[in-house]
Protein backbone atom coordinates (compact mmCIF):
# COMPACT_ATOMS: atom_id res chain seq x y z
CA MET A 1 25.24 -52.03 -10.31
CA VAL A 2 24.64 -48.61 -11.92
CA LYS A 3 27.08 -45.85 -11.19
CA SER A 4 25.72 -42.34 -10.91
CA LYS A 5 27.42 -39.61 -12.85
CA LEU A 6 29.47 -37.20 -10.87
CA ARG A 7 28.18 -33.68 -11.04
CA ALA A 8 30.42 -30.70 -10.97
CA ARG A 9 30.03 -28.78 -7.77
CA PRO A 10 29.18 -25.12 -8.20
CA LYS A 11 31.91 -22.79 -7.12
CA LYS A 12 31.16 -20.87 -4.00
CA LYS A 13 30.79 -17.16 -4.60
CA PRO A 14 32.76 -14.89 -2.30
CA PRO A 15 30.60 -12.79 0.02
CA ALA A 16 29.38 -9.55 -1.53
CA HIS A 17 31.19 -7.44 1.05
CA ASP A 18 34.52 -8.68 -0.32
CA LYS A 19 33.84 -7.03 -3.69
CA ALA A 20 31.95 -3.98 -2.56
CA GLU A 21 33.61 -0.63 -2.22
CA PRO A 22 33.32 1.06 1.17
CA ILE A 23 30.43 3.44 1.53
CA GLU A 24 30.84 6.61 3.50
CA ARG A 25 27.98 6.98 5.90
CA THR A 26 26.70 10.50 6.08
CA LEU A 27 23.73 11.85 7.89
CA THR A 28 21.60 14.22 5.92
CA VAL A 29 20.18 17.00 8.00
CA ALA A 30 17.23 18.90 6.68
CA PRO A 31 17.84 22.64 6.58
CA ALA A 32 16.03 24.64 9.22
CA SER A 33 12.63 25.87 8.15
CA PRO A 34 12.24 29.61 7.60
CA PHE A 35 8.89 29.28 9.41
CA SER A 36 8.18 29.00 13.12
CA ILE A 37 5.16 27.79 15.04
CA GLY A 38 2.70 30.66 15.32
CA ASP A 39 3.84 32.44 12.15
CA ALA A 40 1.12 34.10 10.10
CA VAL A 41 1.15 32.77 6.53
CA HIS A 42 -0.83 33.16 3.32
CA HIS A 43 -1.79 30.46 0.80
CA SER A 44 -3.21 31.41 -2.59
CA MET A 45 -6.20 29.04 -2.30
CA PHE A 46 -6.86 28.75 1.45
CA GLY A 47 -6.06 32.33 2.46
CA ASP A 48 -4.52 33.43 5.75
CA GLY A 49 -3.55 31.02 8.50
CA LYS A 50 -1.18 30.28 11.37
CA VAL A 51 1.50 27.59 11.51
CA GLU A 52 0.64 24.96 14.15
CA SER A 53 3.44 22.45 13.60
CA ILE A 54 6.44 21.80 11.35
CA LYS A 55 7.69 18.41 10.16
CA GLU A 56 10.53 18.42 7.65
CA ASP A 57 9.33 20.72 4.84
CA LYS A 58 5.63 20.42 5.66
CA LEU A 59 3.62 22.86 7.74
CA THR A 60 0.36 22.14 9.51
CA ILE A 61 -1.61 25.35 9.14
CA ALA A 62 -4.88 26.41 10.75
CA PHE A 63 -6.88 28.52 8.30
CA ASP A 64 -10.05 30.54 8.83
CA GLY A 65 -13.24 28.51 9.15
CA ASN A 66 -11.70 25.77 11.34
CA VAL A 67 -9.75 24.32 8.37
CA ARG A 68 -6.41 22.57 8.98
CA LYS A 69 -4.12 21.61 6.13
CA VAL A 70 -0.63 20.11 5.80
CA ILE A 71 1.16 22.08 3.10
CA ARG A 72 4.74 22.20 1.86
CA GLU A 73 6.46 25.36 3.00
CA ASP A 74 7.23 26.50 -0.53
CA PHE A 75 3.48 26.89 -1.23
CA VAL A 76 2.93 29.56 1.42
CA ILE A 77 4.42 32.96 2.12
CA HIS A 78 5.02 34.83 5.36
CA LYS A 79 2.31 37.32 6.07
CA LYS A 80 3.50 40.67 7.34
């Protein structure tokens, strides 16, 4: 009769949450856009247009010639 060798059992690791430091949960709120729907804006390449929608820092703008583009708000200026 052959006896099998006893193997050392691996030690169980404690759950990760036991070691982890608590994380404060904060909600980040995007700052309000300086633009509003309907604002007249100017882009250096596309020219004059009107803001159709705003999502985060991106504006959907309708330009002359039936052209619509989604552009970051820091690439356009208010038209007076």
